[in-house]
């Protein structure tokens, strides 16, 4: 069970990517075999990319692999490096918390106005409900990485290979 909790976003990304690959392939086969297109696959693939991006960002956050400009940080003495890291941590966590909150407000708006998706005609919030949880997961994974960095864990111990 701990493996699933530790690797949840990787499992979600793998399932999403495999599903999206299958849907895209099925659409190509149907389009060239019958001259018709599975219009619904565009909707599913677009929303799949959104979810893949959010959960992929959680993977990167846990590993500390987000893009960063470290020129100034690397030139500072260790005491100031720690201060810059903490400032970065506070700003990043604030941004992630606000992103989760605003995306939750967006989901609430979709639920209240009853908007439906254009391809399948299902409630649009079905696609969006994972986004605030994804931002929450990124926040948690970023915190986990920050705790490891603050403890001074070596890079090869921050993320255990499974």
Protein backbone atom coordinates (compact mmCIF):
# COMPACT_ATOMS: atom_id res chain seq x y z
CA UNK A 1 0.00 0.00 0.00
CA UNK A 2 2.86 2.39 0.77
CA UNK A 3 4.17 1.86 -2.77
CA UNK A 4 0.86 3.04 -4.21
CA UNK A 5 0.80 6.14 -1.98
CA UNK A 6 4.45 6.94 -2.69
CA UNK A 7 4.11 6.44 -6.44
CA UNK A 8 0.47 7.53 -6.96
CA UNK A 9 1.16 10.26 -9.49
CA UNK A 10 3.48 8.02 -11.50
CA UNK A 11 0.79 5.34 -11.68
CA UNK A 12 -1.83 7.92 -12.70
CA UNK A 13 0.51 9.32 -15.39
CA UNK A 14 1.22 5.82 -16.76
CA UNK A 15 -2.48 4.92 -16.94
CA UNK A 16 -3.34 8.27 -18.54
CA UNK A 17 -0.55 8.00 -21.09
CA UNK A 18 -1.47 4.44 -22.06
CA UNK A 19 -5.15 5.37 -22.36
CA UNK A 20 -4.36 8.42 -24.45
CA UNK A 21 -2.09 6.39 -26.73
CA UNK A 22 -4.81 3.80 -27.24
CA UNK A 23 -7.47 6.46 -27.94
CA UNK A 24 -5.27 8.31 -30.42
CA UNK A 25 -4.38 5.08 -32.21
CA UNK A 26 -8.03 3.99 -32.33
CA UNK A 27 -9.01 7.36 -33.81
CA UNK A 28 -6.37 7.06 -36.55
CA UNK A 29 -7.44 3.51 -37.41
CA UNK A 30 -11.12 4.45 -37.55
CA UNK A 31 -10.44 7.62 -39.55
CA UNK A 32 -8.35 5.87 -42.21
CA UNK A 33 -10.48 2.74 -42.25
CA UNK A 34 -13.89 4.38 -42.49
CA UNK A 35 -13.28 8.05 -43.43
CA UNK A 36 -15.06 9.00 -40.19
CA UNK A 37 -13.48 10.39 -37.07
CA UNK A 38 -14.14 9.61 -33.45
CA UNK A 39 -14.82 13.21 -32.43
CA UNK A 40 -15.03 12.30 -28.77
CA UNK A 41 -11.34 11.36 -28.72
CA UNK A 42 -10.34 15.01 -29.14
CA UNK A 43 -12.20 15.90 -25.96
CA UNK A 44 -10.75 12.98 -24.03
CA UNK A 45 -7.20 13.56 -25.27
CA UNK A 46 -7.28 17.30 -24.53
CA UNK A 47 -8.42 16.72 -20.97
CA UNK A 48 -6.00 13.81 -20.63
CA UNK A 49 -3.12 16.15 -21.52
CA UNK A 50 -4.27 18.57 -18.83
CA UNK A 51 -4.30 15.84 -16.19
CA UNK A 52 -1.01 14.37 -17.43
CA UNK A 53 0.59 17.81 -17.07
CA UNK A 54 -0.69 18.33 -13.53
CA UNK A 55 0.26 14.89 -12.24
CA UNK A 56 3.58 15.00 -14.12
CA UNK A 57 4.31 18.25 -12.30
CA UNK A 58 3.77 16.37 -9.01
CA UNK A 59 6.41 13.84 -10.07
CA UNK A 60 8.84 16.66 -10.86
CA UNK A 61 8.04 18.45 -7.58
CA UNK A 62 8.87 15.36 -5.52
CA UNK A 63 12.19 14.98 -7.31
CA UNK A 64 13.00 18.69 -7.21
CA UNK A 65 13.28 18.74 -10.98
CA UNK A 66 11.22 21.82 -11.80
CA UNK A 67 12.90 24.41 -13.97
CA UNK A 68 14.84 26.88 -11.90
CA UNK A 69 17.28 29.69 -12.48
CA UNK A 70 19.98 29.04 -9.90
CA UNK A 71 22.67 31.48 -10.99
CA UNK A 72 22.11 33.91 -8.12
CA UNK A 73 21.43 31.12 -5.63
CA UNK A 74 24.68 29.34 -6.49
CA UNK A 75 26.73 32.52 -6.09
CA UNK A 76 25.45 33.18 -2.56
CA UNK A 77 27.04 31.91 0.65
CA UNK A 78 25.30 28.86 2.22
CA UNK A 79 23.38 30.91 4.81
CA UNK A 80 21.86 33.11 2.13
CA UNK A 81 21.24 30.09 -0.12
CA UNK A 82 19.07 28.64 2.63
CA UNK A 83 17.19 31.95 2.98
CA UNK A 84 16.59 32.12 -0.78
CA UNK A 85 15.43 28.50 -0.73
CA UNK A 86 12.97 29.25 2.08
CA UNK A 87 11.66 32.32 0.25
CA UNK A 88 11.24 30.21 -2.87
CA UNK A 89 9.48 27.56 -0.82
CA UNK A 90 7.00 30.04 0.70
CA UNK A 91 6.24 31.63 -2.67
CA UNK A 92 5.85 28.26 -4.40
CA UNK A 93 3.57 26.87 -1.71
CA UNK A 94 1.48 30.04 -1.83
CA UNK A 95 1.15 29.79 -5.60
CA UNK A 96 0.20 26.10 -5.41
CA UNK A 97 -2.36 26.70 -2.65
CA UNK A 98 -3.92 29.54 -4.63
CA UNK A 99 -3.95 27.42 -7.79
CA UNK A 100 -5.72 24.62 -5.93
CA UNK A 101 -8.24 27.05 -4.46
CA UNK A 102 -8.97 28.83 -7.76
CA UNK A 103 -9.26 25.54 -9.66
CA UNK A 104 -11.67 24.31 -6.98
CA UNK A 105 -13.70 27.49 -7.49
CA UNK A 106 -13.72 26.76 -11.22
CA UNK A 107 -15.05 23.25 -10.56
CA UNK A 108 -17.73 24.67 -8.25
CA UNK A 109 -18.70 27.11 -11.00
CA UNK A 110 -18.95 24.29 -13.56
CA UNK A 111 -21.13 22.29 -11.17
CA UNK A 112 -23.43 25.23 -10.40
CA UNK A 113 -23.99 26.29 -14.01
CA UNK A 114 -24.47 22.74 -15.30
CA UNK A 115 -22.09 23.13 -18.26
CA UNK A 116 -21.72 19.99 -20.36
CA UNK A 117 -18.81 18.82 -22.50
CA UNK A 118 -19.07 19.34 -26.25
CA UNK A 119 -18.25 15.77 -27.36
CA UNK A 120 -19.81 13.40 -24.88
CA UNK A 121 -22.33 15.78 -23.33
CA UNK A 122 -21.34 14.79 -19.81
CA UNK A 123 -20.98 17.39 -17.03
CA UNK A 124 -17.80 19.37 -17.74
CA UNK A 125 -16.68 19.24 -14.12
CA UNK A 126 -15.99 15.50 -14.50
CA UNK A 127 -12.83 16.43 -16.37
CA UNK A 128 -11.83 19.25 -14.07
CA UNK A 129 -12.36 17.67 -10.65
CA UNK A 130 -8.85 16.16 -10.58
CA UNK A 131 -7.11 19.51 -11.16
CA UNK A 132 -7.47 20.98 -7.63
CA UNK A 133 -6.44 17.63 -6.15
CA UNK A 134 -3.50 17.56 -8.57
CA UNK A 135 -2.37 20.99 -7.34
CA UNK A 136 -2.75 19.74 -3.78
CA UNK A 137 -0.61 16.72 -4.62
CA UNK A 138 2.05 18.96 -6.19
CA UNK A 139 2.03 21.03 -2.98
CA UNK A 140 2.48 17.92 -0.83
CA UNK A 141 5.25 16.52 -3.04
CA UNK A 142 7.02 19.89 -3.11
CA UNK A 143 6.87 19.98 0.70
CA UNK A 144 8.30 16.46 0.87
CA UNK A 145 11.20 17.51 -1.34
CA UNK A 146 11.77 20.68 0.70
CA UNK A 147 11.90 18.69 3.95
CA UNK A 148 14.48 16.36 2.40
CA UNK A 149 16.56 19.32 1.23
CA UNK A 150 16.34 21.06 4.61
CA UNK A 151 17.43 17.85 6.37
CA UNK A 152 20.44 17.82 4.07
CA UNK A 153 19.70 14.44 2.51
CA UNK A 154 22.09 13.65 -0.36
CA UNK A 155 20.54 13.78 -3.83
CA UNK A 156 20.67 10.00 -4.24
CA UNK A 157 18.75 9.56 -0.93
CA UNK A 158 16.04 12.17 -1.63
CA UNK A 159 14.16 9.85 -3.99
CA UNK A 160 14.66 6.15 -3.33
CA UNK A 161 14.75 4.03 -6.46
CA UNK A 162 12.10 1.34 -6.44
